Amino acid sequence: MLNDFYMEAIVKEATEDTPQVCLDKQNGKFEMSGKSLPEDVTEFYDPILEWLESYAENPNEMTEFVFKMDYFNTASSKMILDVLLKLEDMSEGGHSVKVKWMFREGDEDMEEAGEEFEDIVEVEFEMGSFN
């Protein structure tokens, strides 16, 4: 057991270069939204991946992770895939996991990105648009 680190929520406000992140086990809220092009992608995403690793040891009955991305660069794409692979591991471990991939209405790039991720990982995906 890594520890009870996962009990502590991660809440990061969006910046010009980084998405808003909410990982809150107690309230069942798991969301990433906005733009992701951090200068140091590893520094930004490592705490998120570590949190998910700990969370996976004792996840909620249902984990619904919402992505509402406006844009992400190639380096962030790899890290988002790593997040999705952590969710896939949870799902394969017998836990209920669902990804909601939300994109702005008419944003074909983000819609296609969601479809590509859906093809890669074995997790229930729900696609949807917002204004």
N, C-alpha and C. Protein backbone atom coordinates (compact mmCIF):
# COMPACT_ATOMS: atom_id res chain seq x y z
N MET A 1 0.85 -1.19 0.00
CA MET A 1 0.00 0.00 0.00
C MET A 1 0.89 1.23 0.00
N LEU A 2 0.69 2.11 -0.95
CA LEU A 2 1.53 3.30 -1.03
C LEU A 2 1.34 4.20 0.19
N ASN A 3 0.13 4.45 0.56
CA ASN A 3 -0.28 5.18 1.78
C ASN A 3 -1.66 5.78 1.52
N ASP A 4 -2.10 6.62 2.39
CA ASP A 4 -3.41 7.23 2.20
C ASP A 4 -3.31 8.56 1.45
N PHE A 5 -2.24 8.71 0.69
CA PHE A 5 -2.00 9.91 -0.11
C PHE A 5 -3.21 10.22 -1.01
N TYR A 6 -3.84 9.16 -1.55
CA TYR A 6 -4.96 9.35 -2.47
C TYR A 6 -6.16 10.00 -1.81
N MET A 7 -6.23 9.95 -0.50
CA MET A 7 -7.37 10.56 0.20
C MET A 7 -7.33 12.09 0.09
N GLU A 8 -6.13 12.62 -0.05
CA GLU A 8 -5.95 14.07 -0.17
C GLU A 8 -6.29 14.46 -1.61
N ALA A 9 -7.29 15.30 -1.78
CA ALA A 9 -7.70 15.70 -3.13
C ALA A 9 -6.61 16.54 -3.80
N ILE A 10 -6.51 16.41 -5.10
CA ILE A 10 -5.66 17.30 -5.90
C ILE A 10 -6.61 18.24 -6.63
N VAL A 11 -6.46 19.52 -6.36
CA VAL A 11 -7.26 20.52 -7.06
C VAL A 11 -6.31 21.59 -7.56
N LYS A 12 -6.22 21.71 -8.88
CA LYS A 12 -5.34 22.72 -9.51
C LYS A 12 -6.20 23.59 -10.40
N GLU A 13 -6.06 24.89 -10.22
CA GLU A 13 -6.77 25.82 -11.10
C GLU A 13 -6.07 25.86 -12.46
N ALA A 14 -6.84 26.10 -13.50
CA ALA A 14 -6.28 26.21 -14.84
C ALA A 14 -5.40 27.45 -14.95
N THR A 15 -4.36 27.33 -15.77
CA THR A 15 -3.52 28.49 -16.11
C THR A 15 -3.53 28.61 -17.63
N GLU A 16 -2.74 29.52 -18.14
CA GLU A 16 -2.63 29.66 -19.60
C GLU A 16 -2.14 28.36 -20.24
N ASP A 17 -1.27 27.65 -19.51
CA ASP A 17 -0.60 26.48 -20.08
C ASP A 17 -1.00 25.14 -19.48
N THR A 18 -1.78 25.16 -18.40
CA THR A 18 -2.12 23.90 -17.74
C THR A 18 -3.62 23.80 -17.50
N PRO A 19 -4.14 22.58 -17.55
CA PRO A 19 -5.57 22.39 -17.36
C PRO A 19 -5.97 22.48 -15.88
N GLN A 20 -7.25 22.71 -15.68
CA GLN A 20 -7.82 22.59 -14.34
C GLN A 20 -7.89 21.09 -14.05
N VAL A 21 -7.51 20.73 -12.83
CA VAL A 21 -7.52 19.32 -12.45
C VAL A 21 -8.23 19.19 -11.11
N CYS A 22 -9.13 18.21 -11.04
CA CYS A 22 -9.79 17.90 -9.78
C CYS A 22 -9.80 16.38 -9.63
N LEU A 23 -9.08 15.91 -8.63
CA LEU A 23 -9.08 14.49 -8.29
C LEU A 23 -9.53 14.41 -6.84
N ASP A 24 -10.78 14.11 -6.63
CA ASP A 24 -11.37 14.17 -5.31
C ASP A 24 -12.14 12.88 -5.02
N LYS A 25 -11.48 11.96 -4.36
CA LYS A 25 -12.06 10.65 -4.07
C LYS A 25 -13.32 10.78 -3.22
N GLN A 26 -13.27 11.62 -2.19
CA GLN A 26 -14.40 11.71 -1.26
C GLN A 26 -15.67 12.21 -1.93
N ASN A 27 -15.54 13.15 -2.86
CA ASN A 27 -16.72 13.67 -3.56
C ASN A 27 -16.95 13.00 -4.91
N GLY A 28 -16.11 12.03 -5.24
CA GLY A 28 -16.28 11.29 -6.49
C GLY A 28 -16.15 12.16 -7.72
N LYS A 29 -15.26 13.17 -7.64
CA LYS A 29 -15.11 14.08 -8.78
C LYS A 29 -13.70 13.92 -9.36
N PHE A 30 -13.66 13.55 -10.63
CA PHE A 30 -12.40 13.34 -11.32
C PHE A 30 -12.52 14.05 -12.67
N GLU A 31 -11.81 15.16 -12.80
CA GLU A 31 -11.99 15.96 -14.01
C GLU A 31 -10.71 16.68 -14.40
N MET A 32 -10.51 16.81 -15.71
CA MET A 32 -9.41 17.59 -16.26
C MET A 32 -10.00 18.41 -17.39
N SER A 33 -9.77 19.74 -17.36
CA SER A 33 -10.36 20.58 -18.39
C SER A 33 -9.48 21.76 -18.73
N GLY A 34 -9.58 22.19 -19.98
CA GLY A 34 -8.85 23.37 -20.44
C GLY A 34 -7.75 23.02 -21.42
N LYS A 35 -6.64 23.75 -21.33
CA LYS A 35 -5.50 23.57 -22.23
C LYS A 35 -4.37 22.91 -21.48
N SER A 36 -3.63 22.05 -22.19
CA SER A 36 -2.48 21.40 -21.58
C SER A 36 -1.27 21.53 -22.49
N LEU A 37 -0.40 22.46 -22.15
CA LEU A 37 0.88 22.59 -22.82
C LEU A 37 1.91 23.09 -21.82
N PRO A 38 2.05 22.36 -20.70
CA PRO A 38 2.98 22.80 -19.67
C PRO A 38 4.42 22.76 -20.16
N GLU A 39 5.23 23.65 -19.63
CA GLU A 39 6.64 23.69 -20.01
C GLU A 39 7.31 22.36 -19.65
N ASP A 40 7.04 21.86 -18.44
CA ASP A 40 7.57 20.58 -18.00
C ASP A 40 6.41 19.62 -17.77
N VAL A 41 6.09 18.85 -18.79
CA VAL A 41 4.92 17.97 -18.76
C VAL A 41 5.05 16.92 -17.65
N THR A 42 6.26 16.43 -17.42
CA THR A 42 6.48 15.42 -16.37
C THR A 42 6.20 16.01 -15.00
N GLU A 43 6.70 17.19 -14.75
CA GLU A 43 6.49 17.84 -13.45
C GLU A 43 5.01 18.06 -13.19
N PHE A 44 4.26 18.41 -14.23
CA PHE A 44 2.83 18.66 -14.06
C PHE A 44 2.05 17.36 -13.85
N TYR A 45 2.33 16.34 -14.66
CA TYR A 45 1.51 15.12 -14.66
C TYR A 45 1.94 14.05 -13.66
N ASP A 46 3.20 14.05 -13.24
CA ASP A 46 3.64 13.00 -12.31
C ASP A 46 2.80 12.93 -11.02
N PRO A 47 2.50 14.07 -10.37
CA PRO A 47 1.66 13.97 -9.16
C PRO A 47 0.27 13.39 -9.46
N ILE A 48 -0.27 13.68 -10.63
CA ILE A 48 -1.58 13.16 -11.02
C ILE A 48 -1.50 11.64 -11.19
N LEU A 49 -0.45 11.18 -11.87
CA LEU A 49 -0.28 9.74 -12.09
C LEU A 49 -0.02 9.01 -10.77
N GLU A 50 0.77 9.62 -9.90
CA GLU A 50 1.04 9.01 -8.58
C GLU A 50 -0.25 8.93 -7.76
N TRP A 51 -1.06 9.98 -7.82
CA TRP A 51 -2.33 10.00 -7.09
C TRP A 51 -3.22 8.86 -7.59
N LEU A 52 -3.32 8.72 -8.91
CA LEU A 52 -4.16 7.67 -9.49
C LEU A 52 -3.64 6.28 -9.12
N GLU A 53 -2.32 6.14 -9.06
CA GLU A 53 -1.72 4.86 -8.66
C GLU A 53 -2.16 4.49 -7.25
N SER A 54 -2.13 5.46 -6.35
CA SER A 54 -2.57 5.22 -4.96
C SER A 54 -4.07 4.98 -4.91
N TYR A 55 -4.82 5.80 -5.63
CA TYR A 55 -6.28 5.69 -5.66
C TYR A 55 -6.71 4.30 -6.14
N ALA A 56 -5.99 3.77 -7.10
CA ALA A 56 -6.34 2.47 -7.70
C ALA A 56 -6.30 1.34 -6.69
N GLU A 57 -5.57 1.53 -5.60
CA GLU A 57 -5.49 0.48 -4.58
C GLU A 57 -6.79 0.35 -3.80
N ASN A 58 -7.57 1.42 -3.76
CA ASN A 58 -8.83 1.41 -3.03
C ASN A 58 -9.78 2.43 -3.67
N PRO A 59 -10.20 2.17 -4.92
CA PRO A 59 -11.01 3.16 -5.63
C PRO A 59 -12.46 3.16 -5.15
N ASN A 60 -13.16 4.22 -5.53
CA ASN A 60 -14.60 4.29 -5.26
C ASN A 60 -15.30 3.17 -6.02
N GLU A 61 -16.55 2.93 -5.65
CA GLU A 61 -17.32 1.89 -6.34
C GLU A 61 -17.41 2.19 -7.84
N MET A 62 -17.56 3.47 -8.17
CA MET A 62 -17.61 3.91 -9.58
C MET A 62 -16.68 5.10 -9.74
N THR A 63 -15.83 5.04 -10.75
CA THR A 63 -14.94 6.15 -11.06
C THR A 63 -15.31 6.67 -12.44
N GLU A 64 -15.82 7.89 -12.48
CA GLU A 64 -16.15 8.53 -13.77
C GLU A 64 -15.20 9.70 -13.94
N PHE A 65 -14.31 9.59 -14.92
CA PHE A 65 -13.30 10.61 -15.16
C PHE A 65 -13.74 11.45 -16.36
N VAL A 66 -13.89 12.75 -16.15
CA VAL A 66 -14.37 13.65 -17.19
C VAL A 66 -13.19 14.45 -17.77
N PHE A 67 -13.06 14.39 -19.08
CA PHE A 67 -12.08 15.22 -19.79
C PHE A 67 -12.86 16.25 -20.59
N LYS A 68 -12.53 17.54 -20.39
CA LYS A 68 -13.14 18.62 -21.18
C LYS A 68 -11.99 19.48 -21.70
N MET A 69 -11.24 18.92 -22.60
CA MET A 69 -10.03 19.59 -23.08
C MET A 69 -10.33 20.49 -24.28
N ASP A 70 -9.71 21.67 -24.24
CA ASP A 70 -9.80 22.60 -25.38
C ASP A 70 -8.63 22.37 -26.33
N TYR A 71 -7.49 22.01 -25.75
CA TYR A 71 -6.28 21.81 -26.55
C TYR A 71 -5.25 21.10 -25.70
N PHE A 72 -4.45 20.23 -26.32
CA PHE A 72 -3.26 19.71 -25.65
C PHE A 72 -2.19 19.45 -26.69
N ASN A 73 -0.93 19.62 -26.27
CA ASN A 73 0.19 19.40 -27.17
C ASN A 73 0.56 17.92 -27.18
N THR A 74 1.53 17.56 -28.01
CA THR A 74 1.91 16.16 -28.18
C THR A 74 2.41 15.56 -26.88
N ALA A 75 3.24 16.29 -26.13
CA ALA A 75 3.77 15.77 -24.87
C ALA A 75 2.62 15.51 -23.89
N SER A 76 1.64 16.41 -23.85
CA SER A 76 0.49 16.21 -22.97
C SER A 76 -0.34 15.03 -23.42
N SER A 77 -0.43 14.80 -24.72
CA SER A 77 -1.19 13.68 -25.25
C SER A 77 -0.69 12.37 -24.67
N LYS A 78 0.62 12.22 -24.59
CA LYS A 78 1.23 11.00 -24.02
C LYS A 78 0.85 10.87 -22.55
N MET A 79 0.85 11.99 -21.81
CA MET A 79 0.53 11.94 -20.39
C MET A 79 -0.96 11.66 -20.17
N ILE A 80 -1.81 12.21 -21.03
CA ILE A 80 -3.25 11.92 -20.94
C ILE A 80 -3.48 10.43 -21.20
N LEU A 81 -2.73 9.89 -22.15
CA LEU A 81 -2.82 8.45 -22.41
C LEU A 81 -2.39 7.67 -21.16
N ASP A 82 -1.35 8.14 -20.47
CA ASP A 82 -0.91 7.46 -19.24
C ASP A 82 -2.02 7.49 -18.18
N VAL A 83 -2.74 8.62 -18.09
CA VAL A 83 -3.87 8.71 -17.16
C VAL A 83 -4.92 7.67 -17.55
N LEU A 84 -5.23 7.60 -18.84
CA LEU A 84 -6.23 6.65 -19.32
C LEU A 84 -5.78 5.20 -19.08
N LEU A 85 -4.50 4.94 -19.20
CA LEU A 85 -4.00 3.58 -18.96
C LEU A 85 -4.13 3.21 -17.48
N LYS A 86 -3.97 4.18 -16.59
CA LYS A 86 -4.20 3.92 -15.15
C LYS A 86 -5.67 3.55 -14.93
N LEU A 87 -6.56 4.25 -15.63
CA LEU A 87 -7.99 3.94 -15.51
C LEU A 87 -8.28 2.56 -16.09
N GLU A 88 -7.60 2.22 -17.18
CA GLU A 88 -7.76 0.90 -17.78
C GLU A 88 -7.32 -0.19 -16.79
N ASP A 89 -6.20 0.04 -16.11
CA ASP A 89 -5.73 -0.93 -15.11
C ASP A 89 -6.78 -1.14 -14.04
N MET A 90 -7.42 -0.05 -13.59
CA MET A 90 -8.46 -0.17 -12.58
C MET A 90 -9.62 -1.00 -13.11
N SER A 91 -10.03 -0.71 -14.34
CA SER A 91 -11.13 -1.43 -14.97
C SER A 91 -10.81 -2.92 -15.08
N GLU A 92 -9.60 -3.22 -15.52
CA GLU A 92 -9.18 -4.62 -15.67
C GLU A 92 -9.09 -5.31 -14.31
N GLY A 93 -8.93 -4.51 -13.24
CA GLY A 93 -8.88 -5.05 -11.89
C GLY A 93 -10.27 -5.30 -11.32
N GLY A 94 -11.29 -5.10 -12.15
CA GLY A 94 -12.65 -5.40 -11.73
C GLY A 94 -13.42 -4.22 -11.16
N HIS A 95 -12.87 -3.01 -11.30
CA HIS A 95 -13.55 -1.82 -10.78
C HIS A 95 -14.34 -1.13 -11.90
N SER A 96 -15.43 -0.46 -11.53
CA SER A 96 -16.25 0.26 -12.51
C SER A 96 -15.58 1.59 -12.85
N VAL A 97 -15.25 1.74 -14.11
CA VAL A 97 -14.57 2.94 -14.59
C VAL A 97 -15.24 3.40 -15.87
N LYS A 98 -15.44 4.71 -15.97
CA LYS A 98 -16.03 5.29 -17.18
C LYS A 98 -15.30 6.59 -17.49
N VAL A 99 -15.02 6.81 -18.75
CA VAL A 99 -14.42 8.06 -19.21
C VAL A 99 -15.48 8.84 -19.97
N LYS A 100 -15.67 10.10 -19.58
CA LYS A 100 -16.54 11.00 -20.36
C LYS A 100 -15.62 11.98 -21.07
N TRP A 101 -15.57 11.87 -22.38
CA TRP A 101 -14.72 12.75 -23.20
C TRP A 101 -15.62 13.82 -23.79
N MET A 102 -15.52 15.02 -23.26
CA MET A 102 -16.35 16.13 -23.69
C MET A 102 -15.51 17.09 -24.55
N PHE A 103 -16.09 17.54 -25.65
CA PHE A 103 -15.39 18.47 -26.54
C PHE A 103 -16.35 19.58 -26.93
N ARG A 104 -15.77 20.74 -27.23
CA ARG A 104 -16.60 21.86 -27.66
C ARG A 104 -17.30 21.50 -28.95
N GLU A 105 -18.57 21.89 -29.04
CA GLU A 105 -19.35 21.62 -30.24
C GLU A 105 -18.58 22.14 -31.47
N GLY A 106 -18.37 21.26 -32.44
CA GLY A 106 -17.66 21.65 -33.66
C GLY A 106 -16.15 21.50 -33.60
N ASP A 107 -15.60 21.13 -32.44
CA ASP A 107 -14.15 20.95 -32.31
C ASP A 107 -13.77 19.54 -32.74
N GLU A 108 -13.54 19.39 -34.04
CA GLU A 108 -13.26 18.07 -34.59
C GLU A 108 -11.95 17.48 -34.09
N ASP A 109 -10.96 18.35 -33.81
CA ASP A 109 -9.67 17.86 -33.32
C ASP A 109 -9.82 17.14 -31.98
N MET A 110 -10.56 17.76 -31.05
CA MET A 110 -10.73 17.15 -29.73
C MET A 110 -11.66 15.93 -29.81
N GLU A 111 -12.62 15.97 -30.72
CA GLU A 111 -13.50 14.82 -30.91
C GLU A 111 -12.68 13.63 -31.42
N GLU A 112 -11.83 13.89 -32.43
CA GLU A 112 -10.99 12.83 -32.99
C GLU A 112 -10.00 12.30 -31.96
N ALA A 113 -9.44 13.21 -31.16
CA ALA A 113 -8.50 12.78 -30.11
C ALA A 113 -9.19 11.81 -29.16
N GLY A 114 -10.41 12.14 -28.76
CA GLY A 114 -11.18 11.25 -27.89
C GLY A 114 -11.42 9.90 -28.53
N GLU A 115 -11.76 9.91 -29.81
CA GLU A 115 -12.00 8.65 -30.53
C GLU A 115 -10.74 7.81 -30.60
N GLU A 116 -9.59 8.48 -30.81
CA GLU A 116 -8.32 7.74 -30.87
C GLU A 116 -8.00 7.13 -29.51
N PHE A 117 -8.18 7.89 -28.43
CA PHE A 117 -7.94 7.34 -27.10
C PHE A 117 -8.90 6.17 -26.83
N GLU A 118 -10.14 6.33 -27.25
CA GLU A 118 -11.13 5.27 -27.03
C GLU A 118 -10.70 3.96 -27.71
N ASP A 119 -10.06 4.09 -28.89
CA ASP A 119 -9.59 2.90 -29.61
C ASP A 119 -8.41 2.24 -28.90
N ILE A 120 -7.64 3.01 -28.15
CA ILE A 120 -6.41 2.50 -27.53
C ILE A 120 -6.68 1.79 -26.21
N VAL A 121 -7.53 2.39 -25.37
CA VAL A 121 -7.72 1.84 -24.03
C VAL A 121 -9.03 1.07 -23.91
N GLU A 122 -8.99 0.05 -23.07
CA GLU A 122 -10.16 -0.79 -22.82
C GLU A 122 -10.91 -0.25 -21.61
N VAL A 123 -11.61 0.85 -21.81
CA VAL A 123 -12.40 1.48 -20.74
C VAL A 123 -13.70 1.95 -21.39
N GLU A 124 -14.79 1.92 -20.63
CA GLU A 124 -16.04 2.45 -21.15
C GLU A 124 -15.86 3.94 -21.45
N PHE A 125 -16.20 4.35 -22.66
CA PHE A 125 -16.06 5.75 -23.09
C PHE A 125 -17.41 6.31 -23.44
N GLU A 126 -17.65 7.53 -23.05
CA GLU A 126 -18.84 8.25 -23.49
C GLU A 126 -18.38 9.57 -24.08
N MET A 127 -18.74 9.79 -25.34
CA MET A 127 -18.36 11.02 -26.04
C MET A 127 -19.52 11.99 -25.99
N GLY A 128 -19.22 13.27 -25.87
CA GLY A 128 -20.28 14.27 -25.87
C GLY A 128 -19.73 15.65 -26.12
N SER A 129 -20.58 16.55 -26.58
CA SER A 129 -20.13 17.92 -26.84
C SER A 129 -20.80 18.89 -25.89
N PHE A 130 -20.17 20.05 -25.75
CA PHE A 130 -20.71 21.13 -24.93
C PHE A 130 -20.47 22.44 -25.66
N ASN A 131 -21.20 23.48 -25.26
CA ASN A 131 -21.03 24.80 -25.90
C ASN A 131 -19.93 25.58 -25.23
